[in-house]
Amino acid sequence: MPVPKKKTSKSKRDMRRSHHALTATNWAEDKTTGEAVRRHHVDLKTGMYRGRQVLDTQG
C-alpha cells in the first residue's frame, strides 16, 4: 500500500480545503406574497415562476 513520502504541510492542507466552505443560498422577496423565495426556482405553494403560472396547484 502506498505511503506518503513527506508530511503534508498545514499550508498545503488548508489550501486544498479552501473550496470546502459552504456558501449561503441566495434569497429574494416574492413580489406578490412578500415571502422569501429562492431565485430561479418555482414557488411550490403557488406554482408561480417569474409572474407566470407554471405548475397546477389544484389538488
C-alpha atoms as a PDB file:
ATOM      1  CA  MET A   1       0.000   0.000   0.000  1.00  0.00           C
ATOM      2  CA  PRO A   2       1.444   3.414  -0.916  1.00  0.00           C
ATOM      3  CA  VAL A   3       2.539   5.702   1.882  1.00  0.00           C
ATOM      4  CA  PRO A   4       3.226   9.452   1.544  1.00  0.00           C
ATOM      5  CA  LYS A   5       6.935  10.199   1.427  1.00  0.00           C
ATOM      6  CA  LYS A   6       6.634  13.615   3.100  1.00  0.00           C
ATOM      7  CA  LYS A   7       4.248  15.105   5.616  1.00  0.00           C
ATOM      8  CA  THR A   8       1.669  17.431   4.052  1.00  0.00           C
ATOM      9  CA  SER A   9       2.203  20.893   5.500  1.00  0.00           C
ATOM     10  CA  LYS A  10      -0.597  22.811   7.197  1.00  0.00           C
ATOM     11  CA  SER A  11      -0.461  25.398   4.428  1.00  0.00           C
ATOM     12  CA  LYS A  12      -0.849  22.855   1.627  1.00  0.00           C
ATOM     13  CA  ARG A  13      -3.592  21.014   3.533  1.00  0.00           C
ATOM     14  CA  ASP A  14      -5.552  24.216   4.153  1.00  0.00           C
ATOM     15  CA  MET A  15      -5.148  25.378   0.549  1.00  0.00           C
ATOM     16  CA  ARG A  16      -6.693  22.114  -0.580  1.00  0.00           C
ATOM     17  CA  ARG A  17      -9.605  22.607   1.807  1.00  0.00           C
ATOM     18  CA  SER A  18     -10.226  26.206   0.767  1.00  0.00           C
ATOM     19  CA  HIS A  19     -13.050  25.100  -1.550  1.00  0.00           C
ATOM     20  CA  HIS A  20     -14.870  23.136   1.134  1.00  0.00           C
ATOM     21  CA  ALA A  21     -16.621  26.127   2.694  1.00  0.00           C
ATOM     22  CA  LEU A  22     -20.415  26.281   2.441  1.00  0.00           C
ATOM     23  CA  THR A  23     -21.992  29.165   0.571  1.00  0.00           C
ATOM     24  CA  ALA A  24     -25.204  30.847   1.614  1.00  0.00           C
ATOM     25  CA  THR A  25     -28.238  30.369  -0.627  1.00  0.00           C
ATOM     26  CA  ASN A  26     -29.466  33.414  -2.496  1.00  0.00           C
ATOM     27  CA  TRP A  27     -32.922  34.509  -1.313  1.00  0.00           C
ATOM     28  CA  ALA A  28     -35.261  37.140  -2.737  1.00  0.00           C
ATOM     29  CA  GLU A  29     -38.576  38.572  -1.635  1.00  0.00           C
ATOM     30  CA  ASP A  30     -41.609  37.449  -3.654  1.00  0.00           C
ATOM     31  CA  LYS A  31     -43.347  40.442  -5.241  1.00  0.00           C
ATOM     32  CA  THR A  32     -46.871  39.145  -4.714  1.00  0.00           C
ATOM     33  CA  THR A  33     -46.736  37.399  -1.332  1.00  0.00           C
ATOM     34  CA  GLY A  34     -43.708  39.050   0.277  1.00  0.00           C
ATOM     35  CA  GLU A  35     -42.281  35.679   1.324  1.00  0.00           C
ATOM     36  CA  ALA A  36     -38.636  34.718   0.985  1.00  0.00           C
ATOM     37  CA  VAL A  37     -38.100  32.535  -2.090  1.00  0.00           C
ATOM     38  CA  ARG A  38     -35.041  31.035  -3.770  1.00  0.00           C
ATOM     39  CA  ARG A  39     -34.001  32.711  -7.003  1.00  0.00           C
ATOM     40  CA  HIS A  40     -34.545  30.752 -10.248  1.00  0.00           C
ATOM     41  CA  HIS A  41     -36.848  28.242  -8.534  1.00  0.00           C
ATOM     42  CA  VAL A  42     -40.578  27.651  -8.876  1.00  0.00           C
ATOM     43  CA  ASP A  43     -42.646  28.547  -5.808  1.00  0.00           C
ATOM     44  CA  LEU A  44     -44.198  25.191  -4.874  1.00  0.00           C
ATOM     45  CA  LYS A  45     -47.039  26.738  -2.852  1.00  0.00           C
ATOM     46  CA  THR A  46     -48.443  28.857  -5.667  1.00  0.00           C
ATOM     47  CA  GLY A  47     -46.819  27.275  -8.723  1.00  0.00           C
ATOM     48  CA  MET A  48     -45.630  30.670  -9.970  1.00  0.00           C
ATOM     49  CA  TYR A  49     -42.298  31.464 -11.624  1.00  0.00           C
ATOM     50  CA  ARG A  50     -41.366  34.988 -12.735  1.00  0.00           C
ATOM     51  CA  GLY A  51     -45.006  36.102 -12.591  1.00  0.00           C
ATOM     52  CA  ARG A  52     -46.319  33.176 -14.656  1.00  0.00           C
ATOM     53  CA  GLN A  53     -48.331  30.143 -13.551  1.00  0.00           C
ATOM     54  CA  VAL A  54     -46.172  27.139 -14.444  1.00  0.00           C
ATOM     55  CA  LEU A  55     -47.445  24.410 -12.079  1.00  0.00           C
ATOM     56  CA  ASP A  56     -51.004  23.302 -11.470  1.00  0.00           C
ATOM     57  CA  THR A  57     -51.537  23.560  -7.709  1.00  0.00           C
ATOM     58  CA  GLN A  58     -55.110  22.190  -7.794  1.00  0.00           C
ATOM     59  CA  GLY A  59     -55.250  19.018  -5.872  1.00  0.00           C
END
